[in-house]
Amino acid sequence: MDLSPGETVLFEGHPSWRSILGFYVIGLVLAAVVVAVAHFAGARTLLVVLLALATAALILLVGLLKRIGTSYKVTDRRLWIRRGILSRAVQETRLDRVQNVNTRQSLGQRLLRVGTVDFDTAAADDYDFSFRGVADPGRITRVVDRALGS
């Protein structure tokens, strides 16, 4: 993100590692199924162990790339989201276009202390501008409120 002269970054972060625990759990369950199928198909023990380790490593790598491939920034003038590592998608909007800031947390997210911050902007209704899986979504709301002078 290129900052304009005099623009200050107020928040910079990624989705919390806790927000992708569900991905890891589902991935490890699928890995266990693959290992069980290989075992019952008569694969050698060493092959089953290597398959388990390779699958677990792949799941951890994909989760890490998913997390670090998403960046969020709040400046005193703009909100900014960047997604992707090889291919990129960037969303940004000016703070003066933000009409409402809402947070959402399911029960599981509350237990993990993560949530989603939704920004209603002056754009079309189908325009989705959200910081997903962030730790302490209330803090981001407070940062944006201060930047807006509320």
N, C-alpha and C. Protein backbone atom coordinates (compact mmCIF):
# COMPACT_ATOMS: atom_id res chain seq x y z
N MET A 1 0.85 -1.17 0.00
CA MET A 1 0.00 0.00 0.00
C MET A 1 0.89 1.23 0.00
N ASP A 2 0.70 2.08 -0.97
CA ASP A 2 1.44 3.34 -1.03
C ASP A 2 0.70 4.38 -0.21
N LEU A 3 1.36 4.91 0.79
CA LEU A 3 0.75 5.94 1.63
C LEU A 3 0.87 7.30 0.96
N SER A 4 -0.17 8.08 1.10
CA SER A 4 -0.13 9.46 0.63
C SER A 4 0.71 10.28 1.60
N PRO A 5 1.23 11.41 1.16
CA PRO A 5 2.00 12.26 2.08
C PRO A 5 1.15 12.63 3.31
N GLY A 6 1.70 12.40 4.47
CA GLY A 6 1.02 12.73 5.72
C GLY A 6 0.06 11.65 6.21
N GLU A 7 -0.14 10.57 5.45
CA GLU A 7 -1.05 9.50 5.86
C GLU A 7 -0.34 8.60 6.87
N THR A 8 -1.07 8.19 7.91
CA THR A 8 -0.50 7.40 8.99
C THR A 8 -1.24 6.07 9.13
N VAL A 9 -0.50 4.98 9.27
CA VAL A 9 -1.10 3.66 9.50
C VAL A 9 -1.49 3.56 10.97
N LEU A 10 -2.78 3.25 11.23
CA LEU A 10 -3.29 3.13 12.59
C LEU A 10 -3.42 1.68 13.02
N PHE A 11 -3.64 0.78 12.05
CA PHE A 11 -3.75 -0.65 12.33
C PHE A 11 -3.22 -1.41 11.12
N GLU A 12 -2.47 -2.47 11.38
CA GLU A 12 -1.98 -3.33 10.33
C GLU A 12 -1.96 -4.74 10.87
N GLY A 13 -2.55 -5.69 10.13
CA GLY A 13 -2.56 -7.06 10.62
C GLY A 13 -3.06 -8.06 9.61
N HIS A 14 -3.16 -9.30 10.07
CA HIS A 14 -3.63 -10.44 9.30
C HIS A 14 -4.75 -11.10 10.09
N PRO A 15 -5.47 -12.02 9.47
CA PRO A 15 -6.40 -12.82 10.28
C PRO A 15 -5.61 -13.56 11.36
N SER A 16 -6.23 -13.72 12.50
CA SER A 16 -5.58 -14.41 13.61
C SER A 16 -5.38 -15.88 13.28
N TRP A 17 -4.33 -16.47 13.81
CA TRP A 17 -4.11 -17.90 13.61
C TRP A 17 -5.26 -18.70 14.21
N ARG A 18 -5.92 -18.13 15.24
CA ARG A 18 -7.04 -18.84 15.86
C ARG A 18 -8.24 -18.93 14.93
N SER A 19 -8.32 -18.00 13.96
CA SER A 19 -9.48 -18.00 13.06
C SER A 19 -9.44 -19.14 12.05
N ILE A 20 -8.28 -19.77 11.86
CA ILE A 20 -8.20 -20.88 10.90
C ILE A 20 -8.08 -22.23 11.59
N LEU A 21 -8.36 -22.29 12.88
CA LEU A 21 -8.32 -23.56 13.59
C LEU A 21 -9.33 -24.55 12.99
N GLY A 22 -10.48 -24.05 12.59
CA GLY A 22 -11.49 -24.92 11.97
C GLY A 22 -10.96 -25.56 10.70
N PHE A 23 -10.24 -24.78 9.91
CA PHE A 23 -9.62 -25.31 8.69
C PHE A 23 -8.65 -26.43 9.04
N TYR A 24 -7.84 -26.21 10.08
CA TYR A 24 -6.87 -27.22 10.49
C TYR A 24 -7.57 -28.49 10.98
N VAL A 25 -8.62 -28.34 11.77
CA VAL A 25 -9.33 -29.51 12.30
C VAL A 25 -9.93 -30.33 11.16
N ILE A 26 -10.62 -29.65 10.23
CA ILE A 26 -11.21 -30.36 9.09
C ILE A 26 -10.11 -31.01 8.25
N GLY A 27 -9.03 -30.30 8.02
CA GLY A 27 -7.93 -30.86 7.24
C GLY A 27 -7.31 -32.07 7.90
N LEU A 28 -7.13 -32.02 9.21
CA LEU A 28 -6.53 -33.16 9.90
C LEU A 28 -7.48 -34.35 9.95
N VAL A 29 -8.79 -34.10 10.03
CA VAL A 29 -9.76 -35.19 9.96
C VAL A 29 -9.69 -35.85 8.59
N LEU A 30 -9.65 -35.03 7.53
CA LEU A 30 -9.52 -35.59 6.18
C LEU A 30 -8.20 -36.36 6.02
N ALA A 31 -7.14 -35.84 6.61
CA ALA A 31 -5.85 -36.54 6.55
C ALA A 31 -5.94 -37.89 7.27
N ALA A 32 -6.63 -37.92 8.40
CA ALA A 32 -6.80 -39.18 9.12
C ALA A 32 -7.59 -40.19 8.29
N VAL A 33 -8.58 -39.70 7.55
CA VAL A 33 -9.35 -40.58 6.68
C VAL A 33 -8.46 -41.15 5.58
N VAL A 34 -7.64 -40.29 4.97
CA VAL A 34 -6.72 -40.74 3.91
C VAL A 34 -5.75 -41.78 4.46
N VAL A 35 -5.21 -41.54 5.64
CA VAL A 35 -4.27 -42.47 6.26
C VAL A 35 -4.98 -43.79 6.58
N ALA A 36 -6.20 -43.71 7.11
CA ALA A 36 -6.95 -44.93 7.42
C ALA A 36 -7.22 -45.75 6.16
N VAL A 37 -7.60 -45.09 5.08
CA VAL A 37 -7.85 -45.79 3.82
C VAL A 37 -6.56 -46.45 3.34
N ALA A 38 -5.45 -45.73 3.40
CA ALA A 38 -4.16 -46.30 2.98
C ALA A 38 -3.79 -47.50 3.85
N HIS A 39 -4.03 -47.39 5.13
CA HIS A 39 -3.70 -48.48 6.06
C HIS A 39 -4.54 -49.72 5.75
N PHE A 40 -5.85 -49.51 5.60
CA PHE A 40 -6.73 -50.65 5.35
C PHE A 40 -6.61 -51.19 3.93
N ALA A 41 -6.00 -50.42 3.04
CA ALA A 41 -5.75 -50.90 1.69
C ALA A 41 -4.49 -51.75 1.64
N GLY A 42 -3.82 -51.84 2.78
CA GLY A 42 -2.65 -52.71 2.86
C GLY A 42 -1.33 -52.02 2.62
N ALA A 43 -1.31 -50.71 2.68
CA ALA A 43 -0.05 -49.99 2.49
C ALA A 43 0.89 -50.30 3.65
N ARG A 44 2.17 -50.24 3.38
CA ARG A 44 3.17 -50.49 4.42
C ARG A 44 3.11 -49.39 5.48
N THR A 45 3.53 -49.73 6.68
CA THR A 45 3.47 -48.80 7.80
C THR A 45 4.29 -47.54 7.52
N LEU A 46 5.46 -47.71 6.95
CA LEU A 46 6.30 -46.55 6.65
C LEU A 46 5.61 -45.62 5.66
N LEU A 47 4.96 -46.19 4.67
CA LEU A 47 4.24 -45.38 3.69
C LEU A 47 3.08 -44.63 4.35
N VAL A 48 2.37 -45.30 5.24
CA VAL A 48 1.25 -44.66 5.95
C VAL A 48 1.76 -43.51 6.81
N VAL A 49 2.88 -43.71 7.51
CA VAL A 49 3.45 -42.65 8.35
C VAL A 49 3.89 -41.47 7.49
N LEU A 50 4.57 -41.76 6.38
CA LEU A 50 5.01 -40.68 5.48
C LEU A 50 3.81 -39.93 4.90
N LEU A 51 2.77 -40.66 4.54
CA LEU A 51 1.56 -40.03 4.02
C LEU A 51 0.93 -39.13 5.07
N ALA A 52 0.88 -39.59 6.32
CA ALA A 52 0.33 -38.78 7.41
C ALA A 52 1.14 -37.51 7.61
N LEU A 53 2.46 -37.63 7.64
CA LEU A 53 3.32 -36.46 7.84
C LEU A 53 3.22 -35.48 6.68
N ALA A 54 3.21 -35.99 5.45
CA ALA A 54 3.11 -35.12 4.28
C ALA A 54 1.77 -34.39 4.25
N THR A 55 0.70 -35.09 4.58
CA THR A 55 -0.63 -34.47 4.58
C THR A 55 -0.72 -33.40 5.67
N ALA A 56 -0.22 -33.69 6.86
CA ALA A 56 -0.24 -32.71 7.94
C ALA A 56 0.59 -31.48 7.57
N ALA A 57 1.76 -31.70 6.98
CA ALA A 57 2.60 -30.57 6.57
C ALA A 57 1.90 -29.72 5.51
N LEU A 58 1.25 -30.37 4.56
CA LEU A 58 0.53 -29.64 3.51
C LEU A 58 -0.61 -28.81 4.11
N ILE A 59 -1.34 -29.38 5.04
CA ILE A 59 -2.45 -28.66 5.68
C ILE A 59 -1.91 -27.44 6.44
N LEU A 60 -0.83 -27.62 7.18
CA LEU A 60 -0.24 -26.50 7.92
C LEU A 60 0.25 -25.41 6.97
N LEU A 61 0.88 -25.81 5.87
CA LEU A 61 1.38 -24.85 4.90
C LEU A 61 0.25 -24.06 4.24
N VAL A 62 -0.79 -24.76 3.82
CA VAL A 62 -1.93 -24.08 3.19
C VAL A 62 -2.58 -23.10 4.17
N GLY A 63 -2.75 -23.52 5.42
CA GLY A 63 -3.33 -22.62 6.43
C GLY A 63 -2.47 -21.39 6.66
N LEU A 64 -1.16 -21.59 6.73
CA LEU A 64 -0.25 -20.46 6.91
C LEU A 64 -0.31 -19.51 5.73
N LEU A 65 -0.30 -20.06 4.51
CA LEU A 65 -0.37 -19.21 3.31
C LEU A 65 -1.70 -18.46 3.25
N LYS A 66 -2.77 -19.13 3.66
CA LYS A 66 -4.08 -18.48 3.70
C LYS A 66 -4.06 -17.28 4.65
N ARG A 67 -3.42 -17.47 5.79
CA ARG A 67 -3.37 -16.41 6.80
C ARG A 67 -2.47 -15.25 6.37
N ILE A 68 -1.23 -15.56 5.96
CA ILE A 68 -0.32 -14.47 5.62
C ILE A 68 -0.63 -13.85 4.26
N GLY A 69 -1.45 -14.53 3.47
CA GLY A 69 -1.84 -13.98 2.17
C GLY A 69 -2.94 -12.94 2.27
N THR A 70 -3.45 -12.71 3.47
CA THR A 70 -4.48 -11.70 3.68
C THR A 70 -3.94 -10.64 4.63
N SER A 71 -3.99 -9.38 4.20
CA SER A 71 -3.51 -8.27 5.03
C SER A 71 -4.59 -7.21 5.16
N TYR A 72 -4.68 -6.64 6.34
CA TYR A 72 -5.64 -5.56 6.61
C TYR A 72 -4.87 -4.34 7.10
N LYS A 73 -5.29 -3.16 6.64
CA LYS A 73 -4.71 -1.91 7.15
C LYS A 73 -5.81 -0.88 7.32
N VAL A 74 -5.63 -0.08 8.35
CA VAL A 74 -6.47 1.10 8.58
C VAL A 74 -5.51 2.26 8.70
N THR A 75 -5.71 3.29 7.88
CA THR A 75 -4.93 4.51 8.02
C THR A 75 -5.87 5.61 8.48
N ASP A 76 -5.33 6.78 8.66
CA ASP A 76 -6.20 7.90 9.04
C ASP A 76 -7.03 8.39 7.86
N ARG A 77 -6.88 7.76 6.67
CA ARG A 77 -7.66 8.15 5.49
C ARG A 77 -8.37 7.00 4.79
N ARG A 78 -7.85 5.76 4.93
CA ARG A 78 -8.37 4.64 4.13
C ARG A 78 -8.44 3.34 4.91
N LEU A 79 -9.26 2.43 4.39
CA LEU A 79 -9.28 1.03 4.80
C LEU A 79 -8.75 0.24 3.62
N TRP A 80 -7.99 -0.82 3.88
CA TRP A 80 -7.32 -1.53 2.81
C TRP A 80 -7.28 -3.02 3.12
N ILE A 81 -7.64 -3.86 2.13
CA ILE A 81 -7.56 -5.31 2.24
C ILE A 81 -6.80 -5.84 1.04
N ARG A 82 -5.81 -6.71 1.30
CA ARG A 82 -5.09 -7.38 0.22
C ARG A 82 -5.19 -8.87 0.46
N ARG A 83 -5.62 -9.60 -0.59
CA ARG A 83 -5.72 -11.05 -0.51
C ARG A 83 -4.90 -11.67 -1.62
N GLY A 84 -4.22 -12.77 -1.30
CA GLY A 84 -3.50 -13.53 -2.30
C GLY A 84 -2.00 -13.41 -2.17
N ILE A 85 -1.32 -14.44 -2.68
CA ILE A 85 0.13 -14.44 -2.69
C ILE A 85 0.61 -14.42 -4.13
N LEU A 86 0.20 -15.40 -4.93
CA LEU A 86 0.60 -15.42 -6.33
C LEU A 86 -0.27 -14.48 -7.16
N SER A 87 -1.57 -14.62 -7.01
CA SER A 87 -2.48 -13.64 -7.63
C SER A 87 -2.95 -12.73 -6.50
N ARG A 88 -3.32 -11.52 -6.84
CA ARG A 88 -3.68 -10.54 -5.82
C ARG A 88 -5.01 -9.90 -6.10
N ALA A 89 -5.73 -9.65 -5.03
CA ALA A 89 -6.94 -8.84 -5.08
C ALA A 89 -6.80 -7.79 -3.98
N VAL A 90 -6.99 -6.54 -4.34
CA VAL A 90 -6.87 -5.45 -3.38
C VAL A 90 -8.17 -4.67 -3.35
N GLN A 91 -8.67 -4.43 -2.14
CA GLN A 91 -9.84 -3.59 -1.94
C GLN A 91 -9.41 -2.43 -1.07
N GLU A 92 -9.86 -1.25 -1.40
CA GLU A 92 -9.64 -0.13 -0.50
C GLU A 92 -10.80 0.84 -0.64
N THR A 93 -11.03 1.55 0.43
CA THR A 93 -12.06 2.58 0.43
C THR A 93 -11.60 3.70 1.34
N ARG A 94 -12.07 4.88 1.04
CA ARG A 94 -11.74 6.03 1.89
C ARG A 94 -12.59 5.98 3.16
N LEU A 95 -12.02 6.43 4.25
CA LEU A 95 -12.74 6.42 5.53
C LEU A 95 -14.00 7.27 5.48
N ASP A 96 -13.97 8.34 4.70
CA ASP A 96 -15.17 9.19 4.66
C ASP A 96 -16.35 8.51 3.96
N ARG A 97 -16.12 7.37 3.33
CA ARG A 97 -17.20 6.59 2.70
C ARG A 97 -17.82 5.57 3.67
N VAL A 98 -17.19 5.37 4.82
CA VAL A 98 -17.69 4.40 5.80
C VAL A 98 -18.90 4.99 6.51
N GLN A 99 -20.01 4.24 6.45
CA GLN A 99 -21.24 4.71 7.09
C GLN A 99 -21.50 4.01 8.42
N ASN A 100 -21.20 2.72 8.49
CA ASN A 100 -21.39 1.94 9.72
C ASN A 100 -20.25 0.95 9.86
N VAL A 101 -19.92 0.65 11.11
CA VAL A 101 -18.94 -0.38 11.41
C VAL A 101 -19.62 -1.37 12.36
N ASN A 102 -19.67 -2.64 11.95
CA ASN A 102 -20.34 -3.67 12.74
C ASN A 102 -19.37 -4.82 12.99
N THR A 103 -19.53 -5.47 14.13
CA THR A 103 -18.73 -6.66 14.41
C THR A 103 -19.66 -7.85 14.54
N ARG A 104 -19.17 -9.01 14.13
CA ARG A 104 -19.91 -10.27 14.26
C ARG A 104 -18.99 -11.31 14.87
N GLN A 105 -19.54 -12.07 15.83
CA GLN A 105 -18.80 -13.17 16.44
C GLN A 105 -19.78 -14.29 16.76
N SER A 106 -19.51 -15.47 16.22
CA SER A 106 -20.28 -16.64 16.61
C SER A 106 -19.80 -17.07 18.00
N LEU A 107 -20.48 -18.05 18.58
CA LEU A 107 -20.06 -18.54 19.89
C LEU A 107 -18.63 -19.07 19.83
N GLY A 108 -18.33 -19.85 18.80
CA GLY A 108 -16.97 -20.38 18.65
C GLY A 108 -15.95 -19.27 18.48
N GLN A 109 -16.30 -18.25 17.72
CA GLN A 109 -15.38 -17.12 17.54
C GLN A 109 -15.18 -16.36 18.84
N ARG A 110 -16.23 -16.22 19.62
CA ARG A 110 -16.09 -15.54 20.92
C ARG A 110 -15.15 -16.31 21.83
N LEU A 111 -15.27 -17.64 21.81
CA LEU A 111 -14.37 -18.47 22.63
C LEU A 111 -12.92 -18.33 22.17
N LEU A 112 -12.72 -18.18 20.85
CA LEU A 112 -11.38 -18.03 20.30
C LEU A 112 -10.90 -16.58 20.26
N ARG A 113 -11.78 -15.66 20.66
CA ARG A 113 -11.48 -14.22 20.68
C ARG A 113 -11.12 -13.68 19.29
N VAL A 114 -11.89 -14.10 18.29
CA VAL A 114 -11.76 -13.58 16.94
C VAL A 114 -13.14 -13.20 16.44
N GLY A 115 -13.18 -12.48 15.33
CA GLY A 115 -14.47 -12.10 14.76
C GLY A 115 -14.29 -11.39 13.44
N THR A 116 -15.39 -10.87 12.95
CA THR A 116 -15.42 -10.16 11.67
C THR A 116 -15.86 -8.73 11.92
N VAL A 117 -15.17 -7.80 11.26
CA VAL A 117 -15.56 -6.39 11.30
C VAL A 117 -16.07 -6.05 9.91
N ASP A 118 -17.37 -5.71 9.83
CA ASP A 118 -17.99 -5.34 8.56
C ASP A 118 -18.07 -3.82 8.47
N PHE A 119 -17.69 -3.32 7.31
CA PHE A 119 -17.75 -1.88 7.06
C PHE A 119 -18.83 -1.63 6.00
N ASP A 120 -19.87 -0.91 6.37
CA ASP A 120 -20.87 -0.48 5.40
C ASP A 120 -20.36 0.80 4.77
N THR A 121 -20.20 0.77 3.46
CA THR A 121 -19.67 1.93 2.77
C THR A 121 -20.73 2.52 1.85
N ALA A 122 -20.40 3.65 1.27
CA ALA A 122 -21.31 4.34 0.36
C ALA A 122 -21.34 3.66 -1.01
N ALA A 123 -20.78 2.47 -1.12
CA ALA A 123 -20.80 1.72 -2.38
C ALA A 123 -22.09 0.93 -2.49
N ALA A 124 -22.20 0.13 -3.53
CA ALA A 124 -23.39 -0.68 -3.77
C ALA A 124 -23.62 -1.66 -2.63
N ASP A 125 -24.86 -2.14 -2.50
CA ASP A 125 -25.23 -3.05 -1.43
C ASP A 125 -24.47 -4.38 -1.48
N ASP A 126 -24.07 -4.82 -2.67
CA ASP A 126 -23.39 -6.10 -2.79
C ASP A 126 -21.87 -5.99 -2.59
N TYR A 127 -21.40 -4.83 -2.24
CA TYR A 127 -19.98 -4.60 -2.02
C TYR A 127 -19.63 -5.05 -0.61
N ASP A 128 -18.82 -6.09 -0.49
CA ASP A 128 -18.47 -6.67 0.80
C ASP A 128 -17.09 -6.18 1.22
N PHE A 129 -17.04 -5.42 2.28
CA PHE A 129 -15.77 -4.92 2.81
C PHE A 129 -15.68 -5.35 4.26
N SER A 130 -14.95 -6.43 4.53
CA SER A 130 -14.89 -7.01 5.86
C SER A 130 -13.48 -7.44 6.20
N PHE A 131 -13.12 -7.23 7.45
CA PHE A 131 -11.90 -7.79 8.01
C PHE A 131 -12.35 -9.08 8.72
N ARG A 132 -12.03 -10.24 8.15
CA ARG A 132 -12.50 -11.52 8.68
C ARG A 132 -11.42 -12.19 9.53
N GLY A 133 -11.88 -12.81 10.63
CA GLY A 133 -10.97 -13.60 11.45
C GLY A 133 -9.96 -12.80 12.24
N VAL A 134 -10.28 -11.56 12.54
CA VAL A 134 -9.32 -10.72 13.25
C VAL A 134 -9.45 -10.91 14.77
N ALA A 135 -8.31 -10.83 15.43
CA ALA A 135 -8.30 -10.88 16.89
C ALA A 135 -8.83 -9.54 17.41
N ASP A 136 -9.65 -9.60 18.44
CA ASP A 136 -10.20 -8.40 19.09
C ASP A 136 -10.83 -7.44 18.09
N PRO A 137 -11.95 -7.83 17.48
CA PRO A 137 -12.60 -6.95 16.51
C PRO A 137 -13.04 -5.61 17.10
N GLY A 138 -13.31 -5.58 18.39
CA GLY A 138 -13.68 -4.32 19.03
C GLY A 138 -12.58 -3.28 18.95
N ARG A 139 -11.34 -3.74 19.02
CA ARG A 139 -10.20 -2.81 18.93
C ARG A 139 -10.15 -2.14 17.56
N ILE A 140 -10.42 -2.90 16.51
CA ILE A 140 -10.41 -2.32 15.17
C ILE A 140 -11.54 -1.31 15.03
N THR A 141 -12.69 -1.62 15.60
CA THR A 141 -13.81 -0.68 15.58
C THR A 141 -13.43 0.62 16.27
N ARG A 142 -12.76 0.52 17.40
CA ARG A 142 -12.33 1.72 18.13
C ARG A 142 -11.31 2.52 17.32
N VAL A 143 -10.39 1.84 16.64
CA VAL A 143 -9.39 2.53 15.80
C VAL A 143 -10.09 3.32 14.68
N VAL A 144 -11.06 2.66 14.03
CA VAL A 144 -11.78 3.34 12.95
C VAL A 144 -12.61 4.50 13.50
N ASP A 145 -13.24 4.31 14.64
CA ASP A 145 -14.01 5.40 15.25
C ASP A 145 -13.13 6.62 15.54
N ARG A 146 -11.93 6.36 16.09
CA ARG A 146 -11.00 7.47 16.36
C ARG A 146 -10.57 8.15 15.07
N ALA A 147 -10.31 7.35 14.03
CA ALA A 147 -9.89 7.93 12.75
C ALA A 147 -10.99 8.77 12.14
N LEU A 148 -12.24 8.38 12.36
CA LEU A 148 -13.38 9.14 11.84
C LEU A 148 -13.71 10.34 12.72
N GLY A 149 -13.10 10.38 13.89
CA GLY A 149 -13.35 11.51 14.78
C GLY A 149 -14.63 11.35 15.57
N SER A 150 -15.10 10.10 15.70
CA SER A 150 -16.36 9.84 16.44
C SER A 150 -16.12 9.74 17.91
